[in-house]
Protein backbone atom coordinates (compact mmCIF):
# COMPACT_ATOMS: atom_id res chain seq x y z
CA UNK A 1 31.66 218.43 260.82
CA UNK A 2 32.28 215.24 262.76
CA UNK A 3 33.87 212.23 261.05
CA UNK A 4 34.20 208.74 262.53
CA UNK A 5 36.58 206.11 261.19
CA UNK A 6 34.77 202.78 261.37
CA UNK A 7 36.75 200.64 258.94
CA UNK A 8 40.33 200.87 257.68
CA UNK A 9 41.09 198.85 254.57
CA UNK A 10 44.08 196.54 255.06
CA UNK A 11 44.67 196.60 251.31
CA UNK A 12 44.96 200.40 251.27
CA UNK A 13 47.41 200.22 254.17
CA UNK A 14 49.68 197.75 252.36
CA UNK A 15 49.52 199.35 248.90
CA UNK A 16 50.11 202.97 249.85
CA UNK A 17 52.99 205.20 250.88
CA UNK A 18 52.79 203.80 254.42
CA UNK A 19 55.29 200.93 253.88
CA UNK A 20 57.79 203.41 252.39
CA UNK A 21 57.37 205.68 255.41
CA UNK A 22 57.92 202.73 257.75
CA UNK A 23 60.99 201.68 255.74
CA UNK A 24 62.49 205.17 255.94
CA UNK A 25 61.90 205.33 259.70
CA UNK A 26 63.45 201.87 260.09
CA UNK A 27 66.44 202.96 258.03
CA UNK A 28 66.89 206.02 260.23
CA UNK A 29 66.49 203.94 263.39
CA UNK A 30 69.11 201.41 262.34
CA UNK A 31 71.46 204.20 261.22
CA UNK A 32 71.22 205.83 264.65
CA UNK A 33 71.88 202.54 266.40
CA UNK A 34 74.85 201.44 264.30
CA UNK A 35 77.16 199.14 266.23
CA UNK A 36 80.88 199.75 266.18
CA UNK A 37 82.75 198.34 263.23
CA UNK A 38 84.72 195.35 264.46
CA UNK A 39 87.90 194.09 262.83
CA UNK A 40 86.54 190.60 262.14
CA UNK A 41 83.60 191.94 260.07
CA UNK A 42 84.19 192.61 256.41
CA UNK A 43 82.53 195.51 254.66
CA UNK A 44 80.16 193.14 252.84
CA UNK A 45 79.17 191.45 256.08
CA UNK A 46 78.52 194.80 257.76
CA UNK A 47 76.38 196.07 254.87
CA UNK A 48 74.45 192.80 254.79
CA UNK A 49 73.85 192.96 258.54
CA UNK A 50 72.66 196.58 258.20
CA UNK A 51 70.22 195.71 255.40
CA UNK A 52 68.86 192.69 257.25
CA UNK A 53 68.25 194.80 260.35
CA UNK A 54 66.38 197.42 258.29
CA UNK A 55 64.27 194.80 256.49
CA UNK A 56 63.43 192.88 259.66
CA UNK A 57 62.45 196.07 261.53
CA UNK A 58 60.30 197.19 258.60
CA UNK A 59 58.58 193.81 258.40
CA UNK A 60 57.95 193.75 262.16
CA UNK A 61 56.45 197.25 262.13
CA UNK A 62 54.22 196.46 259.14
CA UNK A 63 52.96 193.23 260.70
CA UNK A 64 52.22 195.01 263.99
CA UNK A 65 50.42 197.80 262.12
CA UNK A 66 48.30 195.32 260.17
CA UNK A 67 47.47 193.41 263.34
CA UNK A 68 46.47 196.65 265.09
CA UNK A 69 44.22 197.71 262.19
CA UNK A 70 42.65 194.23 262.05
CA UNK A 71 41.85 194.34 265.78
CA UNK A 72 40.50 197.92 265.43
CA UNK A 73 38.21 196.82 262.58
CA UNK A 74 37.10 193.80 264.63
CA UNK A 75 36.16 195.97 267.61
CA UNK A 76 34.29 198.41 265.36
CA UNK A 77 32.35 195.52 263.83
CA UNK A 78 31.24 194.52 267.36
CA UNK A 79 29.67 197.96 267.77
CA UNK A 80 32.37 199.76 269.72
CA UNK A 81 32.71 203.38 268.63
CA UNK A 82 35.55 204.28 266.31
CA UNK A 83 37.93 207.22 266.34
CA UNK A 84 36.12 210.53 265.91
CA UNK A 85 37.49 213.71 264.36
CA UNK A 86 35.95 217.14 264.36
CA UNK A 87 36.76 219.08 261.20
CA UNK A 88 36.12 222.77 260.67
CA UNK A 89 35.47 224.06 257.19
CA UNK A 90 37.24 227.27 256.22
CA UNK A 91 35.55 229.73 253.90
CA UNK A 92 37.47 230.61 250.75
CA UNK A 93 37.01 234.39 251.10
CA UNK A 94 38.53 234.49 254.59
CA UNK A 95 41.37 232.27 253.43
CA UNK A 96 42.20 234.63 250.56
CA UNK A 97 42.07 237.62 252.92
CA UNK A 98 44.60 235.94 255.20
CA UNK A 99 46.94 235.28 252.26
CA UNK A 100 46.84 238.94 251.22
CA UNK A 101 47.78 240.12 254.72
């Protein structure tokens, strides 16, 4: 079965698990790129700087994602073909046979 994505809802992108996934990747990215702790920074200032970096990276990635989806939807509305997937359906009997083996 062939499936073509012609329209991605911006609302579903914002109100889904996607922002949490982006936040976790931003958190991991900032953790891996931690600067050295300098003597003039207090612990509070370092934590605040860390949180601001995570939040700003998350916001930037979400805005870029929304802009990309908006442009994709715009191109699809002009008649350009969308992304196509080919999906194979698996029969239940063969799936159960594989689980038994």
